[in-house]
Amino acid sequence: MTHIPPEDVLRRAKEFYAANTRLEIAEESSDSVTFRGAIGTARIRVDRDHGRTNVHASTDRVVGLDVTDVTKRFLYTLGRA
């Protein structure tokens, strides 16, 4: 959960993945963005609840040096905002 507006979370996700991975945007909607590449697939989805933004992250891999670790790093950046 964060105070960052949903559209800003998705913008930040696109900027983060572009700067830190070779993943491409595979799908995009008003409440989610999916990235796909050689290291795996990650989906960031947002919704608003009681003035806060819920950020849901999912990947197709388990923990390791792959898309899951990159996704964790992205989520960590939201806490520093």
N, C-alpha and C. Protein backbone atom coordinates (compact mmCIF):
# COMPACT_ATOMS: atom_id res chain seq x y z
N MET A 1 0.85 -1.17 0.00
CA MET A 1 0.00 0.00 0.00
C MET A 1 0.91 1.25 0.00
N THR A 2 0.48 2.24 -0.74
CA THR A 2 1.27 3.46 -0.85
C THR A 2 0.35 4.67 -1.03
N HIS A 3 0.89 5.82 -0.82
CA HIS A 3 0.13 7.06 -1.06
C HIS A 3 0.28 7.52 -2.52
N ILE A 4 1.15 6.88 -3.27
CA ILE A 4 1.40 7.26 -4.67
C ILE A 4 0.17 6.93 -5.51
N PRO A 5 -0.32 7.85 -6.33
CA PRO A 5 -1.49 7.57 -7.17
C PRO A 5 -1.24 6.39 -8.12
N PRO A 6 -2.28 5.62 -8.43
CA PRO A 6 -2.13 4.44 -9.27
C PRO A 6 -1.41 4.70 -10.60
N GLU A 7 -1.78 5.79 -11.27
CA GLU A 7 -1.16 6.06 -12.58
C GLU A 7 0.34 6.35 -12.43
N ASP A 8 0.73 6.93 -11.29
CA ASP A 8 2.15 7.18 -11.05
C ASP A 8 2.91 5.89 -10.75
N VAL A 9 2.25 4.96 -10.04
CA VAL A 9 2.89 3.66 -9.78
C VAL A 9 3.18 2.96 -11.11
N LEU A 10 2.21 2.97 -12.02
CA LEU A 10 2.41 2.30 -13.31
C LEU A 10 3.48 3.02 -14.13
N ARG A 11 3.49 4.33 -14.09
CA ARG A 11 4.53 5.08 -14.80
C ARG A 11 5.90 4.74 -14.25
N ARG A 12 6.00 4.71 -12.93
CA ARG A 12 7.28 4.37 -12.29
C ARG A 12 7.71 2.96 -12.64
N ALA A 13 6.75 2.04 -12.71
CA ALA A 13 7.08 0.66 -13.09
C ALA A 13 7.68 0.63 -14.49
N LYS A 14 7.06 1.32 -15.42
CA LYS A 14 7.58 1.34 -16.79
C LYS A 14 8.98 1.94 -16.84
N GLU A 15 9.19 3.02 -16.10
CA GLU A 15 10.51 3.64 -16.07
C GLU A 15 11.54 2.71 -15.42
N PHE A 16 11.16 2.08 -14.32
CA PHE A 16 12.08 1.20 -13.60
C PHE A 16 12.48 0.00 -14.45
N TYR A 17 11.50 -0.68 -15.04
CA TYR A 17 11.81 -1.86 -15.84
C TYR A 17 12.60 -1.50 -17.09
N ALA A 18 12.32 -0.35 -17.68
CA ALA A 18 13.08 0.09 -18.86
C ALA A 18 14.53 0.37 -18.49
N ALA A 19 14.77 0.96 -17.33
CA ALA A 19 16.13 1.32 -16.92
C ALA A 19 16.92 0.15 -16.36
N ASN A 20 16.24 -0.87 -15.82
CA ASN A 20 16.93 -1.92 -15.08
C ASN A 20 16.83 -3.32 -15.68
N THR A 21 16.08 -3.48 -16.75
CA THR A 21 15.92 -4.81 -17.35
C THR A 21 15.86 -4.68 -18.88
N ARG A 22 15.80 -5.81 -19.50
CA ARG A 22 15.55 -5.85 -20.94
C ARG A 22 14.14 -6.36 -21.22
N LEU A 23 13.29 -6.28 -20.21
CA LEU A 23 11.91 -6.72 -20.39
C LEU A 23 11.14 -5.69 -21.22
N GLU A 24 10.25 -6.19 -22.02
CA GLU A 24 9.40 -5.35 -22.86
C GLU A 24 7.99 -5.33 -22.28
N ILE A 25 7.26 -4.26 -22.55
CA ILE A 25 5.85 -4.21 -22.15
C ILE A 25 5.09 -5.16 -23.07
N ALA A 26 4.45 -6.16 -22.47
CA ALA A 26 3.69 -7.15 -23.22
C ALA A 26 2.21 -6.79 -23.27
N GLU A 27 1.71 -6.23 -22.17
CA GLU A 27 0.30 -5.83 -22.08
C GLU A 27 0.22 -4.60 -21.17
N GLU A 28 -0.76 -3.75 -21.45
CA GLU A 28 -0.94 -2.57 -20.63
C GLU A 28 -2.42 -2.19 -20.62
N SER A 29 -2.91 -1.81 -19.44
CA SER A 29 -4.29 -1.33 -19.31
C SER A 29 -4.27 -0.18 -18.32
N SER A 30 -5.44 0.34 -17.99
CA SER A 30 -5.50 1.47 -17.07
C SER A 30 -5.10 1.10 -15.64
N ASP A 31 -5.14 -0.20 -15.31
CA ASP A 31 -4.79 -0.60 -13.95
C ASP A 31 -3.66 -1.61 -13.85
N SER A 32 -2.99 -1.91 -14.97
CA SER A 32 -1.89 -2.86 -14.89
C SER A 32 -0.94 -2.73 -16.07
N VAL A 33 0.26 -3.28 -15.85
CA VAL A 33 1.24 -3.38 -16.92
C VAL A 33 1.97 -4.70 -16.73
N THR A 34 2.16 -5.42 -17.84
CA THR A 34 2.85 -6.70 -17.83
C THR A 34 4.11 -6.59 -18.65
N PHE A 35 5.21 -7.06 -18.07
CA PHE A 35 6.51 -7.04 -18.72
C PHE A 35 6.92 -8.48 -19.02
N ARG A 36 7.58 -8.68 -20.17
CA ARG A 36 7.98 -10.04 -20.54
C ARG A 36 9.35 -10.00 -21.20
N GLY A 37 10.16 -11.02 -20.91
CA GLY A 37 11.48 -11.13 -21.52
C GLY A 37 12.12 -12.45 -21.16
N ALA A 38 13.40 -12.56 -21.46
CA ALA A 38 14.13 -13.81 -21.25
C ALA A 38 14.17 -14.25 -19.79
N ILE A 39 14.14 -13.30 -18.87
CA ILE A 39 14.23 -13.66 -17.45
C ILE A 39 12.86 -13.96 -16.83
N GLY A 40 11.78 -13.78 -17.58
CA GLY A 40 10.46 -14.09 -17.07
C GLY A 40 9.43 -13.02 -17.37
N THR A 41 8.29 -13.15 -16.70
CA THR A 41 7.16 -12.24 -16.86
C THR A 41 6.79 -11.66 -15.50
N ALA A 42 6.52 -10.36 -15.48
CA ALA A 42 6.07 -9.69 -14.26
C ALA A 42 4.84 -8.86 -14.58
N ARG A 43 3.90 -8.84 -13.65
CA ARG A 43 2.70 -8.01 -13.81
C ARG A 43 2.56 -7.14 -12.57
N ILE A 44 2.37 -5.86 -12.79
CA ILE A 44 2.10 -4.90 -11.73
C ILE A 44 0.68 -4.40 -11.93
N ARG A 45 -0.15 -4.59 -10.91
CA ARG A 45 -1.55 -4.16 -10.97
C ARG A 45 -1.82 -3.24 -9.79
N VAL A 46 -2.65 -2.22 -9.99
CA VAL A 46 -2.97 -1.26 -8.94
C VAL A 46 -4.47 -1.11 -8.78
N ASP A 47 -4.88 -0.78 -7.56
CA ASP A 47 -6.25 -0.36 -7.32
C ASP A 47 -6.24 0.60 -6.15
N ARG A 48 -7.30 1.34 -6.02
CA ARG A 48 -7.39 2.40 -5.00
C ARG A 48 -8.38 1.95 -3.93
N ASP A 49 -8.02 2.17 -2.66
CA ASP A 49 -8.89 1.79 -1.55
C ASP A 49 -8.67 2.75 -0.40
N HIS A 50 -9.71 3.46 0.01
CA HIS A 50 -9.66 4.39 1.14
C HIS A 50 -8.52 5.40 1.01
N GLY A 51 -8.34 5.93 -0.19
CA GLY A 51 -7.34 6.96 -0.42
C GLY A 51 -5.92 6.45 -0.54
N ARG A 52 -5.72 5.17 -0.54
CA ARG A 52 -4.39 4.57 -0.68
C ARG A 52 -4.38 3.69 -1.93
N THR A 53 -3.19 3.50 -2.48
CA THR A 53 -3.04 2.65 -3.66
C THR A 53 -2.50 1.29 -3.24
N ASN A 54 -3.22 0.24 -3.60
CA ASN A 54 -2.74 -1.13 -3.40
C ASN A 54 -1.95 -1.52 -4.64
N VAL A 55 -0.78 -2.06 -4.45
CA VAL A 55 0.07 -2.50 -5.55
C VAL A 55 0.20 -4.01 -5.46
N HIS A 56 -0.22 -4.70 -6.51
CA HIS A 56 -0.16 -6.16 -6.58
C HIS A 56 0.91 -6.52 -7.61
N ALA A 57 1.83 -7.37 -7.22
CA ALA A 57 2.90 -7.79 -8.13
C ALA A 57 2.89 -9.30 -8.23
N SER A 58 3.03 -9.80 -9.45
CA SER A 58 3.13 -11.24 -9.65
C SER A 58 4.16 -11.52 -10.73
N THR A 59 4.80 -12.68 -10.61
CA THR A 59 5.78 -13.11 -11.60
C THR A 59 5.55 -14.59 -11.92
N ASP A 60 6.18 -15.06 -12.96
CA ASP A 60 6.05 -16.46 -13.33
C ASP A 60 7.23 -17.30 -12.84
N ARG A 61 8.04 -16.74 -11.97
CA ARG A 61 9.22 -17.45 -11.47
C ARG A 61 9.24 -17.43 -9.95
N VAL A 62 10.08 -18.31 -9.38
CA VAL A 62 10.31 -18.28 -7.94
C VAL A 62 11.51 -17.39 -7.67
N VAL A 63 11.84 -17.21 -6.42
CA VAL A 63 12.95 -16.33 -6.06
C VAL A 63 14.25 -16.85 -6.66
N GLY A 64 15.00 -15.93 -7.20
CA GLY A 64 16.29 -16.23 -7.81
C GLY A 64 16.75 -14.99 -8.55
N LEU A 65 17.81 -15.09 -9.26
CA LEU A 65 18.33 -13.94 -10.01
C LEU A 65 17.54 -13.79 -11.30
N ASP A 66 16.33 -13.35 -11.16
CA ASP A 66 15.44 -13.25 -12.31
C ASP A 66 14.40 -12.16 -12.10
N VAL A 67 13.33 -12.27 -12.77
CA VAL A 67 12.27 -11.26 -12.74
C VAL A 67 11.68 -11.05 -11.34
N THR A 68 11.68 -12.08 -10.52
CA THR A 68 11.14 -11.94 -9.17
C THR A 68 11.98 -10.97 -8.34
N ASP A 69 13.29 -11.08 -8.43
CA ASP A 69 14.16 -10.17 -7.69
C ASP A 69 14.03 -8.74 -8.21
N VAL A 70 13.93 -8.58 -9.51
CA VAL A 70 13.76 -7.25 -10.09
C VAL A 70 12.45 -6.64 -9.59
N THR A 71 11.41 -7.44 -9.55
CA THR A 71 10.10 -6.96 -9.10
C THR A 71 10.14 -6.55 -7.63
N LYS A 72 10.82 -7.33 -6.81
CA LYS A 72 10.99 -6.94 -5.40
C LYS A 72 11.70 -5.60 -5.29
N ARG A 73 12.73 -5.41 -6.09
CA ARG A 73 13.46 -4.14 -6.06
C ARG A 73 12.55 -2.99 -6.45
N PHE A 74 11.70 -3.20 -7.46
CA PHE A 74 10.75 -2.14 -7.84
C PHE A 74 9.83 -1.81 -6.67
N LEU A 75 9.25 -2.81 -6.04
CA LEU A 75 8.35 -2.56 -4.92
C LEU A 75 9.05 -1.79 -3.80
N TYR A 76 10.30 -2.10 -3.56
CA TYR A 76 11.07 -1.39 -2.54
C TYR A 76 11.18 0.11 -2.87
N THR A 77 11.30 0.45 -4.14
CA THR A 77 11.41 1.86 -4.51
C THR A 77 10.16 2.65 -4.16
N LEU A 78 9.02 2.00 -4.12
CA LEU A 78 7.76 2.68 -3.80
C LEU A 78 7.73 3.11 -2.33
N GLY A 79 8.39 2.37 -1.48
CA GLY A 79 8.43 2.71 -0.07
C GLY A 79 9.32 3.89 0.24
N ARG A 80 10.22 4.20 -0.69
CA ARG A 80 11.15 5.32 -0.49
C ARG A 80 10.61 6.60 -1.08
N ALA A 81 9.44 6.56 -1.69
CA ALA A 81 8.88 7.75 -2.35
C ALA A 81 8.35 8.75 -1.35
